[in-house]
Amino acid sequence: MSVKVHEITNIYNGKIFDVVLEKVTLPNGMTKDREVVRHPGAAAMVPLLDDGKVVLVKQYRHAVNQFLWEIPAGTLEPGEKAVECARRELVEETGYEASSLHKLAEILPAPGYTDEHIHIFLSTGLRSVGQKLEDDEVLKAEPTPFETALAMITKGEIRDAKTIVGIFLTYMRNRKS
């Protein structure tokens, strides 16, 4: 079941991702054009405070022109390991450092058009060190009772996929402990 790539045309090179057009022969023998967003990957964290609250961020997302409730996350820098990115982004967005990072999952948020992988970590043993937001980050960190975060998902107040996955995986992991 192999796919043969015949030609790759670069459409766009951006700061965060690139877009290519690939002419491919699919496993069924059909030759088609596929637009693909090439993304370096990301790390996301479920920051769990000692009192059981999860630190969510309310962040402006221009693509949907809304503020969304999310777990903190960021794009991997060239050569950066996912765990290093997680540590860096946790401090930047929440102002907390974690003594422990446990990998919960690696997800494919939209495999129909991008090769992005998001590594999701549970971050515990948090210590406040102060936020270090980048100039284009418009967000507020908010410690939220874990049960409230779960309810926000079921009410449709949290709609971000990585956040839903991260919170549910943390819930399942903690339920078993």
Protein backbone atom coordinates (compact mmCIF):
# COMPACT_ATOMS: atom_id res chain seq x y z
CA MET A 1 0.00 0.00 0.00
CA SER A 2 2.49 2.60 -1.10
CA VAL A 3 1.93 6.10 -2.39
CA LYS A 4 4.17 7.40 -5.14
CA VAL A 5 4.95 11.12 -5.17
CA HIS A 6 5.64 12.25 -8.74
CA GLU A 7 6.10 15.98 -8.30
CA ILE A 8 6.18 18.54 -5.49
CA THR A 9 5.45 22.21 -6.21
CA ASN A 10 6.15 24.76 -3.50
CA ILE A 11 3.11 27.06 -3.18
CA TYR A 12 3.94 29.11 -0.09
CA ASN A 13 6.76 29.41 2.47
CA GLY A 14 5.65 30.99 5.71
CA LYS A 15 7.00 31.79 9.14
CA ILE A 16 5.21 28.82 10.74
CA PHE A 17 4.35 26.46 7.90
CA ASP A 18 4.76 25.81 4.18
CA VAL A 19 2.16 24.75 1.60
CA VAL A 20 3.03 22.34 -1.21
CA LEU A 21 1.13 20.77 -4.08
CA GLU A 22 2.00 17.10 -4.57
CA LYS A 23 1.06 14.98 -7.57
CA VAL A 24 0.67 11.49 -6.12
CA THR A 25 -0.46 8.04 -7.13
CA LEU A 26 -2.74 6.80 -4.34
CA PRO A 27 -2.93 3.21 -3.08
CA ASN A 28 -5.99 2.66 -5.34
CA GLY A 29 -3.93 3.52 -8.43
CA MET A 30 -5.51 6.95 -9.04
CA THR A 31 -3.15 9.90 -9.66
CA LYS A 32 -4.30 13.10 -7.96
CA ASP A 33 -3.05 16.48 -6.78
CA ARG A 34 -2.91 16.98 -3.01
CA GLU A 35 -2.34 20.29 -1.22
CA VAL A 36 -0.38 19.71 1.98
CA VAL A 37 0.46 22.07 4.82
CA ARG A 38 3.95 21.13 6.05
CA HIS A 39 4.26 21.99 9.74
CA PRO A 40 7.26 21.49 12.06
CA GLY A 41 5.07 20.13 14.86
CA ALA A 42 4.02 21.45 18.23
CA ALA A 43 3.92 20.69 21.93
CA ALA A 44 0.93 21.27 24.20
CA MET A 45 0.75 20.98 27.96
CA VAL A 46 -1.96 20.24 30.50
CA PRO A 47 -0.54 22.25 33.43
CA LEU A 48 -1.96 20.74 36.63
CA LEU A 49 -1.46 22.72 39.84
CA ASP A 50 -1.06 20.98 43.18
CA ASP A 51 -4.63 22.00 44.14
CA GLY A 52 -6.01 20.14 41.10
CA LYS A 53 -6.68 23.20 38.96
CA VAL A 54 -5.65 23.18 35.30
CA VAL A 55 -4.07 26.34 33.89
CA LEU A 56 -5.99 27.25 30.75
CA VAL A 57 -5.21 30.16 28.47
CA LYS A 58 -7.82 32.34 26.82
CA GLN A 59 -6.10 33.21 23.56
CA TYR A 60 -7.08 35.28 20.55
CA ARG A 61 -7.06 33.18 17.36
CA HIS A 62 -7.24 35.33 14.26
CA ALA A 63 -8.20 32.51 11.85
CA VAL A 64 -11.54 32.14 13.66
CA ASN A 65 -11.64 35.76 14.93
CA GLN A 66 -12.34 34.61 18.50
CA PHE A 67 -10.80 34.18 21.89
CA LEU A 68 -10.58 30.44 22.63
CA TRP A 69 -9.97 28.51 25.84
CA GLU A 70 -6.95 26.26 25.30
CA ILE A 71 -4.16 24.45 27.02
CA PRO A 72 -0.84 26.22 26.39
CA ALA A 73 0.99 25.14 23.25
CA GLY A 74 3.60 26.23 20.77
CA THR A 75 5.43 25.37 17.59
CA LEU A 76 8.69 23.43 17.70
CA GLU A 77 11.76 25.43 16.75
CA PRO A 78 14.21 23.84 14.22
CA GLY A 79 16.03 20.97 15.95
CA GLU A 80 14.04 21.37 19.17
CA LYS A 81 12.69 18.28 20.94
CA ALA A 82 9.00 18.27 21.87
CA VAL A 83 9.73 18.17 25.61
CA GLU A 84 12.03 21.21 25.30
CA CYS A 85 9.31 23.08 23.42
CA ALA A 86 6.80 22.12 26.12
CA ARG A 87 9.03 23.52 28.88
CA ARG A 88 9.67 26.75 26.94
CA GLU A 89 6.05 27.35 25.98
CA LEU A 90 4.73 26.54 29.47
CA VAL A 91 6.81 29.37 30.95
CA GLU A 92 6.06 31.77 28.07
CA GLU A 93 2.28 31.36 28.17
CA THR A 94 1.49 30.53 31.80
CA GLY A 95 4.44 31.73 33.84
CA TYR A 96 4.91 28.27 35.39
CA GLU A 97 7.86 25.89 35.30
CA ALA A 98 7.17 22.16 35.63
CA SER A 99 9.29 19.73 37.62
CA SER A 100 7.66 16.85 35.74
CA LEU A 101 6.45 16.42 32.16
CA HIS A 102 4.71 13.16 31.25
CA LYS A 103 3.84 12.53 27.60
CA LEU A 104 0.14 11.75 27.23
CA ALA A 105 -0.12 11.42 23.46
CA GLU A 106 1.01 12.48 20.03
CA ILE A 107 -1.95 13.52 17.89
CA LEU A 108 -2.56 14.42 14.26
CA PRO A 109 -4.96 17.39 14.44
CA ALA A 110 -5.96 17.53 10.76
CA PRO A 111 -4.35 14.71 8.72
CA GLY A 112 -6.57 15.48 5.73
CA TYR A 113 -4.36 18.44 4.83
CA THR A 114 -1.39 18.77 7.21
CA ASP A 115 1.48 16.64 8.50
CA GLU A 116 1.46 18.44 11.88
CA HIS A 117 2.03 16.32 14.98
CA ILE A 118 1.12 17.74 18.40
CA HIS A 119 2.86 16.19 21.41
CA ILE A 120 0.66 16.54 24.51
CA PHE A 121 2.25 16.51 27.97
CA LEU A 122 0.89 16.49 31.50
CA SER A 123 2.85 19.14 33.42
CA THR A 124 3.02 18.82 37.20
CA GLY A 125 5.11 20.16 40.07
CA LEU A 126 4.45 23.69 38.86
CA ARG A 127 6.33 26.68 40.23
CA SER A 128 5.50 30.28 39.33
CA VAL A 129 8.35 32.07 37.51
CA GLY A 130 6.43 34.77 35.58
CA GLN A 131 4.97 34.85 32.09
CA LYS A 132 7.22 35.62 29.11
CA LEU A 133 4.73 36.29 26.31
CA GLU A 134 5.96 36.97 22.80
CA ASP A 135 4.79 40.24 21.22
CA ASP A 136 2.17 38.49 19.05
CA GLU A 137 0.60 36.47 21.87
CA VAL A 138 -2.69 37.87 23.12
CA LEU A 139 -3.71 35.61 25.97
CA LYS A 140 -4.50 35.35 29.66
CA ALA A 141 -3.60 32.35 31.84
CA GLU A 142 -6.42 31.24 34.13
CA PRO A 143 -6.20 28.48 36.77
CA THR A 144 -9.50 26.61 36.42
CA PRO A 145 -10.97 23.82 38.56
CA PHE A 146 -10.51 20.59 36.61
CA GLU A 147 -14.22 19.70 36.84
CA THR A 148 -15.05 23.15 35.44
CA ALA A 149 -12.74 22.52 32.46
CA LEU A 150 -14.53 19.21 31.80
CA ALA A 151 -17.90 21.00 31.98
CA MET A 152 -16.62 23.70 29.61
CA ILE A 153 -15.97 20.97 27.03
CA THR A 154 -19.44 19.45 27.32
CA LYS A 155 -21.04 22.93 27.15
CA GLY A 156 -19.08 23.78 23.99
CA GLU A 157 -17.06 26.52 25.71
CA ILE A 158 -13.82 24.66 24.94
CA ARG A 159 -13.72 23.71 21.26
CA ASP A 160 -10.00 23.45 20.56
CA ALA A 161 -9.16 19.84 19.67
CA LYS A 162 -5.76 19.56 21.41
CA THR A 163 -7.30 20.98 24.57
CA ILE A 164 -10.20 18.54 24.55
CA VAL A 165 -7.82 15.61 23.97
CA GLY A 166 -5.37 16.78 26.65
CA ILE A 167 -8.02 17.35 29.30
CA PHE A 168 -9.79 14.04 28.63
CA LEU A 169 -6.51 12.09 28.63
CA THR A 170 -5.55 13.71 31.95
CA TYR A 171 -8.99 12.86 33.33
CA MET A 172 -8.62 9.21 32.24
CA ARG A 173 -5.08 8.97 33.60
CA ASN A 174 -6.02 10.46 36.97
CA ARG A 175 -9.16 8.34 37.22
CA LYS A 176 -7.04 5.20 37.08
CA SER A 177 -4.57 6.41 39.76
